[in-house]
Amino acid sequence: MLKIRIIPTLLWKDFGLVKGVGFDSWRRVGSVLPSIKVYNLREVDELILMDISATEENREPDYESIAEFSEECFVPFTVGGGIKNLDHIKQILRSGADKISINTAAYEKPRLIKEASERYGSQCIVVSIDVKRELDGNYYCYSHRGTTCTGKTVVEWVQLMEEMGAGEILVTSIERDGTLKGYDLELIKLVSTNVSIPVIASGGAGNYLDMHDAILKGNASAVAAASMFHFTEQTPLEAKYYLRESGIPVRNSNTANT
């Protein structure tokens, strides 16, 4: 098993960080720069920053702010929100991000993923997929911050995105988001068994056991969390302790390896 990554997710709206339940991100939870500095000290493996209002407001990413955040981030930094074309990707990467995350634009132009991976390398292209289970029992993909059903099942979409050159899949359960009730393990397993690229589990993490289950039962390559780190005393470093003690290999950490 490859070493598992622990990835806090920061939801950026207007001038601060927000969080809620089921993509209703209404609660203010702090500011971006102080959070990045704290996570640097807590030895996270990566950070994901999502500008959740950029697509809704039909504007470009805020490159100036991204550059400011990148200067203070000492781990691989993934940025998403408002990305529509190769120029946006170029400017985000030039602003200091290591990876970009694309969601809505991929549905509008699937070949954007292919063009981006060919130009910048698949290793920096993360496709973010927001998913909800419908009455017919199938999991469907949603765009525009979980508000618009695309009609595409998660299996057909992740396979297409891998074919287009995505380097990773970030899959989030809309229904579990912010609930602290655990990941949708069936969803994570469904995605991971239908692609050969890494899958980041997101949506619902409430404790370290949830992360453990997403890895062993869902076959996730990484686990992302927001509410768990914002609203409880649990930390990414302690998550590494827990997973390591459970026999799961984690990324190197000076403290976790002592």
C-alpha atoms as a PDB file:
ATOM      1  CA  MET A   1       0.000   0.000   0.000  1.00  0.00           C
ATOM      2  CA  LEU A   2       1.272   3.468  -0.885  1.00  0.00           C
ATOM      3  CA  LYS A   3       1.591   5.970   1.929  1.00  0.00           C
ATOM      4  CA  ILE A   4      -1.726   7.627   2.697  1.00  0.00           C
ATOM      5  CA  ARG A   5      -2.140  11.398   2.587  1.00  0.00           C
ATOM      6  CA  ILE A   6      -4.091  13.487   5.106  1.00  0.00           C
ATOM      7  CA  ILE A   7      -5.524  16.582   3.392  1.00  0.00           C
ATOM      8  CA  PRO A   8      -7.457  19.389   5.109  1.00  0.00           C
ATOM      9  CA  THR A   9      -9.905  21.188   2.820  1.00  0.00           C
ATOM     10  CA  LEU A  10     -10.370  24.942   3.074  1.00  0.00           C
ATOM     11  CA  LEU A  11     -13.562  26.428   1.636  1.00  0.00           C
ATOM     12  CA  TRP A  12     -12.904  30.039   0.729  1.00  0.00           C
ATOM     13  CA  LYS A  13     -15.753  32.468   0.198  1.00  0.00           C
ATOM     14  CA  ASP A  14     -15.429  36.241  -0.070  1.00  0.00           C
ATOM     15  CA  PHE A  15     -12.800  37.128   2.537  1.00  0.00           C
ATOM     16  CA  GLY A  16     -12.771  34.091   4.777  1.00  0.00           C
ATOM     17  CA  LEU A  17     -13.301  30.388   5.309  1.00  0.00           C
ATOM     18  CA  VAL A  18     -16.750  28.877   5.624  1.00  0.00           C
ATOM     19  CA  LYS A  19     -18.325  25.501   6.345  1.00  0.00           C
ATOM     20  CA  GLY A  20     -21.795  24.031   6.615  1.00  0.00           C
ATOM     21  CA  VAL A  21     -23.703  20.859   5.856  1.00  0.00           C
ATOM     22  CA  GLY A  22     -24.644  19.451   2.473  1.00  0.00           C
ATOM     23  CA  PHE A  23     -22.762  22.215   0.604  1.00  0.00           C
ATOM     24  CA  ASP A  24     -24.723  24.931   2.416  1.00  0.00           C
ATOM     25  CA  SER A  25     -21.561  26.685   3.534  1.00  0.00           C
ATOM     26  CA  TRP A  26     -22.834  29.515   5.674  1.00  0.00           C
ATOM     27  CA  ARG A  27     -20.785  29.348   8.868  1.00  0.00           C
ATOM     28  CA  ARG A  28     -17.647  31.453   9.150  1.00  0.00           C
ATOM     29  CA  VAL A  29     -14.724  29.429  10.490  1.00  0.00           C
ATOM     30  CA  GLY A  30     -11.732  31.735  10.183  1.00  0.00           C
ATOM     31  CA  SER A  31      -9.308  33.245   7.703  1.00  0.00           C
ATOM     32  CA  VAL A  32      -7.224  31.572   5.038  1.00  0.00           C
ATOM     33  CA  LEU A  33      -3.674  32.643   5.904  1.00  0.00           C
ATOM     34  CA  PRO A  34      -3.814  31.829   9.647  1.00  0.00           C
ATOM     35  CA  SER A  35      -5.301  28.424   8.819  1.00  0.00           C
ATOM     36  CA  ILE A  36      -2.554  27.655   6.327  1.00  0.00           C
ATOM     37  CA  LYS A  37       0.089  28.586   8.895  1.00  0.00           C
ATOM     38  CA  VAL A  38      -1.512  26.324  11.512  1.00  0.00           C
ATOM     39  CA  TYR A  39      -1.691  23.400   9.114  1.00  0.00           C
ATOM     40  CA  ASN A  40       1.969  23.879   8.198  1.00  0.00           C
ATOM     41  CA  LEU A  41       2.804  23.298  11.866  1.00  0.00           C
ATOM     42  CA  ARG A  42       0.511  20.281  12.073  1.00  0.00           C
ATOM     43  CA  GLU A  43       2.441  18.501   9.352  1.00  0.00           C
ATOM     44  CA  VAL A  44      -0.357  17.918   6.878  1.00  0.00           C
ATOM     45  CA  ASP A  45       0.571  16.224   3.631  1.00  0.00           C
ATOM     46  CA  GLU A  46      -1.281  18.602   1.330  1.00  0.00           C
ATOM     47  CA  LEU A  47      -3.854  21.390   1.420  1.00  0.00           C
ATOM     48  CA  ILE A  48      -6.868  21.937  -0.810  1.00  0.00           C
ATOM     49  CA  LEU A  49      -8.312  25.441  -1.188  1.00  0.00           C
ATOM     50  CA  MET A  50     -11.646  25.814  -2.959  1.00  0.00           C
ATOM     51  CA  ASP A  51     -12.975  29.237  -3.933  1.00  0.00           C
ATOM     52  CA  ILE A  52     -16.627  28.223  -3.716  1.00  0.00           C
ATOM     53  CA  SER A  53     -18.081  31.501  -4.963  1.00  0.00           C
ATOM     54  CA  ALA A  54     -15.990  31.964  -8.120  1.00  0.00           C
ATOM     55  CA  THR A  55     -18.128  29.814 -10.434  1.00  0.00           C
ATOM     56  CA  GLU A  56     -21.379  31.147  -8.963  1.00  0.00           C
ATOM     57  CA  GLU A  57     -20.199  34.716  -9.529  1.00  0.00           C
ATOM     58  CA  ASN A  58     -18.854  33.841 -12.995  1.00  0.00           C
ATOM     59  CA  ARG A  59     -15.449  35.329 -12.279  1.00  0.00           C
ATOM     60  CA  GLU A  60     -11.855  34.280 -12.692  1.00  0.00           C
ATOM     61  CA  PRO A  61      -9.796  32.916  -9.822  1.00  0.00           C
ATOM     62  CA  ASP A  62      -8.273  35.535  -7.531  1.00  0.00           C
ATOM     63  CA  TYR A  63      -4.649  35.101  -8.587  1.00  0.00           C
ATOM     64  CA  GLU A  64      -3.293  37.784  -6.278  1.00  0.00           C
ATOM     65  CA  SER A  65      -4.748  36.112  -3.193  1.00  0.00           C
ATOM     66  CA  ILE A  66      -3.685  32.664  -4.400  1.00  0.00           C
ATOM     67  CA  ALA A  67      -0.106  33.940  -4.739  1.00  0.00           C
ATOM     68  CA  GLU A  68      -0.270  35.328  -1.199  1.00  0.00           C
ATOM     69  CA  PHE A  69      -1.577  32.034   0.164  1.00  0.00           C
ATOM     70  CA  SER A  70       0.972  29.989  -1.791  1.00  0.00           C
ATOM     71  CA  GLU A  71       3.868  31.926  -0.274  1.00  0.00           C
ATOM     72  CA  GLU A  72       2.812  30.728   3.175  1.00  0.00           C
ATOM     73  CA  CYS A  73       1.975  27.141   2.214  1.00  0.00           C
ATOM     74  CA  PHE A  74       4.894  24.735   2.604  1.00  0.00           C
ATOM     75  CA  VAL A  75       3.099  21.579   1.459  1.00  0.00           C
ATOM     76  CA  PRO A  76       1.618  20.683  -1.948  1.00  0.00           C
ATOM     77  CA  PHE A  77      -1.194  23.150  -2.560  1.00  0.00           C
ATOM     78  CA  THR A  78      -4.268  22.396  -4.688  1.00  0.00           C
ATOM     79  CA  VAL A  79      -6.503  25.284  -5.743  1.00  0.00           C
ATOM     80  CA  GLY A  80      -9.953  25.115  -7.332  1.00  0.00           C
ATOM     81  CA  GLY A  81     -12.851  27.386  -8.176  1.00  0.00           C
ATOM     82  CA  GLY A  82     -13.618  29.467 -11.244  1.00  0.00           C
ATOM     83  CA  ILE A  83     -11.260  27.595 -13.560  1.00  0.00           C
ATOM     84  CA  LYS A  84     -12.620  27.524 -17.118  1.00  0.00           C
ATOM     85  CA  ASN A  85      -9.667  27.354 -19.489  1.00  0.00           C
ATOM     86  CA  LEU A  86      -5.958  26.734 -19.906  1.00  0.00           C
ATOM     87  CA  ASP A  87      -5.085  30.362 -19.240  1.00  0.00           C
ATOM     88  CA  HIS A  88      -6.736  30.184 -15.818  1.00  0.00           C
ATOM     89  CA  ILE A  89      -4.752  27.033 -15.059  1.00  0.00           C
ATOM     90  CA  LYS A  90      -1.506  28.655 -16.196  1.00  0.00           C
ATOM     91  CA  GLN A  91      -2.062  31.701 -14.005  1.00  0.00           C
ATOM     92  CA  ILE A  92      -2.949  29.633 -10.933  1.00  0.00           C
ATOM     93  CA  LEU A  93       0.169  27.498 -11.325  1.00  0.00           C
ATOM     94  CA  ARG A  94       2.251  30.628 -11.854  1.00  0.00           C
ATOM     95  CA  SER A  95       0.720  32.019  -8.671  1.00  0.00           C
ATOM     96  CA  GLY A  96       2.311  29.161  -6.755  1.00  0.00           C
ATOM     97  CA  ALA A  97      -0.260  26.374  -6.662  1.00  0.00           C
ATOM     98  CA  ASP A  98       1.077  22.858  -7.218  1.00  0.00           C
ATOM     99  CA  LYS A  99      -2.162  21.385  -8.506  1.00  0.00           C
ATOM    100  CA  ILE A 100      -5.482  22.660  -9.801  1.00  0.00           C
ATOM    101  CA  SER A 101      -8.924  21.210  -9.166  1.00  0.00           C
ATOM    102  CA  ILE A 102     -11.629  21.352 -11.828  1.00  0.00           C
ATOM    103  CA  ASN A 103     -15.294  20.517 -11.415  1.00  0.00           C
ATOM    104  CA  THR A 104     -17.986  22.412 -13.354  1.00  0.00           C
ATOM    105  CA  ALA A 105     -15.808  23.327 -16.340  1.00  0.00           C
ATOM    106  CA  ALA A 106     -15.047  19.660 -16.971  1.00  0.00           C
ATOM    107  CA  TYR A 107     -18.720  18.949 -17.664  1.00  0.00           C
ATOM    108  CA  GLU A 108     -18.924  21.896 -20.027  1.00  0.00           C
ATOM    109  CA  LYS A 109     -15.735  20.935 -21.859  1.00  0.00           C
ATOM    110  CA  PRO A 110     -14.367  17.464 -21.002  1.00  0.00           C
ATOM    111  CA  ARG A 111     -11.423  17.960 -23.361  1.00  0.00           C
ATOM    112  CA  LEU A 112     -10.158  20.704 -21.055  1.00  0.00           C
ATOM    113  CA  ILE A 113      -8.861  17.928 -18.824  1.00  0.00           C
ATOM    114  CA  LYS A 114      -7.020  16.329 -21.735  1.00  0.00           C
ATOM    115  CA  GLU A 115      -5.573  19.634 -22.902  1.00  0.00           C
ATOM    116  CA  ALA A 116      -4.498  20.556 -19.366  1.00  0.00           C
ATOM    117  CA  SER A 117      -2.875  17.202 -18.646  1.00  0.00           C
ATOM    118  CA  GLU A 118      -0.999  17.264 -21.939  1.00  0.00           C
ATOM    119  CA  ARG A 119       0.307  20.776 -21.329  1.00  0.00           C
ATOM    120  CA  TYR A 120       1.007  20.710 -17.591  1.00  0.00           C
ATOM    121  CA  GLY A 121       1.144  17.001 -16.743  1.00  0.00           C
ATOM    122  CA  SER A 122      -1.547  14.814 -15.267  1.00  0.00           C
ATOM    123  CA  GLN A 123       0.122  14.950 -11.848  1.00  0.00           C
ATOM    124  CA  CYS A 124      -1.207  18.463 -11.288  1.00  0.00           C
ATOM    125  CA  ILE A 125      -4.759  17.914 -12.615  1.00  0.00           C
ATOM    126  CA  VAL A 126      -7.323  16.940  -9.988  1.00  0.00           C
ATOM    127  CA  VAL A 127     -10.911  16.396 -11.084  1.00  0.00           C
ATOM    128  CA  SER A 128     -13.354  17.189  -8.287  1.00  0.00           C
ATOM    129  CA  ILE A 129     -16.648  15.295  -8.412  1.00  0.00           C
ATOM    130  CA  ASP A 130     -19.623  16.105  -6.196  1.00  0.00           C
ATOM    131  CA  VAL A 131     -22.024  13.187  -5.959  1.00  0.00           C
ATOM    132  CA  LYS A 132     -25.513  12.440  -4.728  1.00  0.00           C
ATOM    133  CA  ARG A 133     -27.401   9.149  -4.672  1.00  0.00           C
ATOM    134  CA  GLU A 134     -30.790   9.387  -6.361  1.00  0.00           C
ATOM    135  CA  LEU A 135     -34.008   7.407  -5.946  1.00  0.00           C
ATOM    136  CA  ASP A 136     -33.023   4.927  -8.664  1.00  0.00           C
ATOM    137  CA  GLY A 137     -30.088   3.866  -6.489  1.00  0.00           C
ATOM    138  CA  ASN A 138     -27.426   5.305  -8.778  1.00  0.00           C
ATOM    139  CA  TYR A 139     -24.862   7.906  -7.847  1.00  0.00           C
ATOM    140  CA  TYR A 140     -25.043  10.994 -10.056  1.00  0.00           C
ATOM    141  CA  CYS A 141     -22.575  13.831 -10.534  1.00  0.00           C
ATOM    142  CA  TYR A 142     -23.530  17.422  -9.753  1.00  0.00           C
ATOM    143  CA  SER A 143     -21.979  20.635 -11.014  1.00  0.00           C
ATOM    144  CA  HIS A 144     -22.166  24.285  -9.892  1.00  0.00           C
ATOM    145  CA  ARG A 145     -21.321  23.573  -6.273  1.00  0.00           C
ATOM    146  CA  GLY A 146     -23.698  20.621  -5.961  1.00  0.00           C
ATOM    147  CA  THR A 147     -26.783  22.408  -7.294  1.00  0.00           C
ATOM    148  CA  THR A 148     -27.133  21.005 -10.820  1.00  0.00           C
ATOM    149  CA  CYS A 149     -27.500  17.329 -11.675  1.00  0.00           C
ATOM    150  CA  THR A 150     -25.490  16.562 -14.807  1.00  0.00           C
ATOM    151  CA  GLY A 151     -27.333  13.305 -15.506  1.00  0.00           C
ATOM    152  CA  LYS A 152     -24.002  11.488 -15.578  1.00  0.00           C
ATOM    153  CA  THR A 153     -23.394   8.535 -13.296  1.00  0.00           C
ATOM    154  CA  VAL A 154     -20.262   8.650 -11.215  1.00  0.00           C
ATOM    155  CA  VAL A 155     -18.797   5.542 -12.843  1.00  0.00           C
ATOM    156  CA  GLU A 156     -19.110   6.790 -16.420  1.00  0.00           C
ATOM    157  CA  TRP A 157     -17.739  10.182 -15.439  1.00  0.00           C
ATOM    158  CA  VAL A 158     -14.683   9.055 -13.477  1.00  0.00           C
ATOM    159  CA  GLN A 159     -13.744   6.648 -16.251  1.00  0.00           C
ATOM    160  CA  LEU A 160     -13.999   9.427 -18.825  1.00  0.00           C
ATOM    161  CA  MET A 161     -11.955  11.776 -16.660  1.00  0.00           C
ATOM    162  CA  GLU A 162      -9.223   9.173 -16.285  1.00  0.00           C
ATOM    163  CA  GLU A 163      -9.271   8.657 -20.043  1.00  0.00           C
ATOM    164  CA  MET A 164      -8.941  12.413 -20.525  1.00  0.00           C
ATOM    165  CA  GLY A 165      -5.805  12.438 -18.375  1.00  0.00           C
ATOM    166  CA  ALA A 166      -6.867  13.366 -14.848  1.00  0.00           C
ATOM    167  CA  GLY A 167      -4.164  12.586 -12.310  1.00  0.00           C
ATOM    168  CA  GLU A 168      -6.462  12.243  -9.328  1.00  0.00           C
ATOM    169  CA  ILE A 169     -10.148  12.141  -8.451  1.00  0.00           C
ATOM    170  CA  LEU A 170     -11.506  14.084  -5.465  1.00  0.00           C
ATOM    171  CA  VAL A 171     -14.924  12.575  -4.784  1.00  0.00           C
ATOM    172  CA  THR A 172     -17.289  14.244  -2.321  1.00  0.00           C
ATOM    173  CA  SER A 173     -20.621  12.961  -1.066  1.00  0.00           C
ATOM    174  CA  ILE A 174     -22.998  15.926  -1.045  1.00  0.00           C
ATOM    175  CA  GLU A 175     -25.280  14.200   1.443  1.00  0.00           C
ATOM    176  CA  ARG A 176     -22.435  13.437   3.882  1.00  0.00           C
ATOM    177  CA  ASP A 177     -20.701  16.811   3.557  1.00  0.00           C
ATOM    178  CA  GLY A 178     -20.294  18.484   6.942  1.00  0.00           C
ATOM    179  CA  THR A 179     -22.287  15.848   8.847  1.00  0.00           C
ATOM    180  CA  LEU A 180     -19.319  14.249  10.669  1.00  0.00           C
ATOM    181  CA  LYS A 181     -21.120  10.912  10.181  1.00  0.00           C
ATOM    182  CA  GLY A 182     -18.449   9.227   8.112  1.00  0.00           C
ATOM    183  CA  TYR A 183     -17.594   8.928   4.448  1.00  0.00           C
ATOM    184  CA  ASP A 184     -19.934   7.193   2.028  1.00  0.00           C
ATOM    185  CA  LEU A 185     -17.843   4.044   1.806  1.00  0.00           C
ATOM    186  CA  GLU A 186     -19.929   2.533  -0.955  1.00  0.00           C
ATOM    187  CA  LEU A 187     -19.338   5.601  -3.096  1.00  0.00           C
ATOM    188  CA  ILE A 188     -15.605   5.682  -2.395  1.00  0.00           C
ATOM    189  CA  LYS A 189     -15.252   1.982  -3.207  1.00  0.00           C
ATOM    190  CA  LEU A 190     -17.325   2.381  -6.378  1.00  0.00           C
ATOM    191  CA  VAL A 191     -14.991   5.103  -7.639  1.00  0.00           C
ATOM    192  CA  SER A 192     -11.724   3.488  -6.582  1.00  0.00           C
ATOM    193  CA  THR A 193     -12.568   0.159  -8.225  1.00  0.00           C
ATOM    194  CA  ASN A 194     -13.426   1.815 -11.540  1.00  0.00           C
ATOM    195  CA  VAL A 195     -10.268   3.884 -12.011  1.00  0.00           C
ATOM    196  CA  SER A 196      -6.562   3.224 -11.629  1.00  0.00           C
ATOM    197  CA  ILE A 197      -5.612   6.750 -10.550  1.00  0.00           C
ATOM    198  CA  PRO A 198      -5.577   7.916  -6.901  1.00  0.00           C
ATOM    199  CA  VAL A 199      -8.917   8.689  -5.258  1.00  0.00           C
ATOM    200  CA  ILE A 200      -9.262  11.280  -2.490  1.00  0.00           C
ATOM    201  CA  ALA A 201     -12.222  10.569  -0.197  1.00  0.00           C
ATOM    202  CA  SER A 202     -14.187  13.628   0.916  1.00  0.00           C
ATOM    203  CA  GLY A 203     -17.455  14.434   2.633  1.00  0.00           C
ATOM    204  CA  GLY A 204     -18.430  13.290   6.117  1.00  0.00           C
ATOM    205  CA  ALA A 205     -15.245  12.529   8.055  1.00  0.00           C
ATOM    206  CA  GLY A 206     -15.952  12.761  11.772  1.00  0.00           C
ATOM    207  CA  ASN A 207     -13.099  10.847  13.375  1.00  0.00           C
ATOM    208  CA  TYR A 208      -9.953   8.879  12.697  1.00  0.00           C
ATOM    209  CA  LEU A 209     -11.859   5.608  12.338  1.00  0.00           C
ATOM    210  CA  ASP A 210     -13.776   7.133   9.425  1.00  0.00           C
ATOM    211  CA  MET A 211     -10.456   7.800   7.708  1.00  0.00           C
ATOM    212  CA  HIS A 212      -9.274   4.288   8.498  1.00  0.00           C
ATOM    213  CA  ASP A 213     -12.428   2.830   6.916  1.00  0.00           C
ATOM    214  CA  ALA A 214     -12.195   5.017   3.809  1.00  0.00           C
ATOM    215  CA  ILE A 215      -8.705   3.671   3.221  1.00  0.00           C
ATOM    216  CA  LEU A 216      -9.222  -0.012   4.010  1.00  0.00           C
ATOM    217  CA  LYS A 217     -12.864  -0.445   3.000  1.00  0.00           C
ATOM    218  CA  GLY A 218     -13.102   2.231   0.311  1.00  0.00           C
ATOM    219  CA  ASN A 219      -9.560   1.827  -1.040  1.00  0.00           C
ATOM    220  CA  ALA A 220      -8.978   5.595  -0.938  1.00  0.00           C
ATOM    221  CA  SER A 221      -5.461   6.848  -1.601  1.00  0.00           C
ATOM    222  CA  ALA A 222      -5.990   9.961   0.508  1.00  0.00           C
ATOM    223  CA  VAL A 223      -8.555  11.337   2.930  1.00  0.00           C
ATOM    224  CA  ALA A 224      -9.758  14.936   2.959  1.00  0.00           C
ATOM    225  CA  ALA A 225     -11.645  16.620   5.776  1.00  0.00           C
ATOM    226  CA  ALA A 226     -12.881  20.068   6.752  1.00  0.00           C
ATOM    227  CA  SER A 227     -15.462  20.034   9.578  1.00  0.00           C
ATOM    228  CA  MET A 228     -13.548  17.372  11.493  1.00  0.00           C
ATOM    229  CA  PHE A 229     -10.559  19.696  11.797  1.00  0.00           C
ATOM    230  CA  HIS A 230     -12.572  22.909  12.225  1.00  0.00           C
ATOM    231  CA  PHE A 231     -15.093  21.793  14.836  1.00  0.00           C
ATOM    232  CA  THR A 232     -13.400  19.064  16.893  1.00  0.00           C
ATOM    233  CA  GLU A 233     -10.129  18.759  18.778  1.00  0.00           C
ATOM    234  CA  GLN A 234      -8.840  16.175  16.298  1.00  0.00           C
ATOM    235  CA  THR A 235      -5.781  17.050  14.240  1.00  0.00           C
ATOM    236  CA  PRO A 236      -4.099  15.793  11.059  1.00  0.00           C
ATOM    237  CA  LEU A 237      -1.024  14.764  13.046  1.00  0.00           C
ATOM    238  CA  GLU A 238      -3.082  12.674  15.456  1.00  0.00           C
ATOM    239  CA  ALA A 239      -4.813  11.135  12.458  1.00  0.00           C
ATOM    240  CA  LYS A 240      -1.376   9.988  11.300  1.00  0.00           C
ATOM    241  CA  TYR A 241      -0.669   8.464  14.711  1.00  0.00           C
ATOM    242  CA  TYR A 242      -3.966   6.577  14.605  1.00  0.00           C
ATOM    243  CA  LEU A 243      -3.533   5.270  11.086  1.00  0.00           C
ATOM    244  CA  ARG A 244       0.083   4.276  11.675  1.00  0.00           C
ATOM    245  CA  GLU A 245      -0.882   2.372  14.818  1.00  0.00           C
ATOM    246  CA  SER A 246      -3.540   0.601  12.742  1.00  0.00           C
ATOM    247  CA  GLY A 247      -0.893  -0.595  10.328  1.00  0.00           C
ATOM    248  CA  ILE A 248      -1.626   1.938   7.594  1.00  0.00           C
ATOM    249  CA  PRO A 249       1.473   3.615   6.121  1.00  0.00           C
ATOM    250  CA  VAL A 250       1.383   7.405   6.316  1.00  0.00           C
ATOM    251  CA  ARG A 251       3.594  10.078   4.793  1.00  0.00           C
ATOM    252  CA  ASN A 252       6.796  10.888   6.657  1.00  0.00           C
ATOM    253  CA  SER A 253       6.416  13.173   9.608  1.00  0.00           C
ATOM    254  CA  ASN A 254       9.188  14.130  12.016  1.00  0.00           C
ATOM    255  CA  THR A 255       6.844  13.815  14.985  1.00  0.00           C
ATOM    256  CA  ALA A 256       4.788  10.851  13.802  1.00  0.00           C
ATOM    257  CA  ASN A 257       7.909   8.791  13.190  1.00  0.00           C
ATOM    258  CA  THR A 258       9.477   9.238  16.594  1.00  0.00           C
END
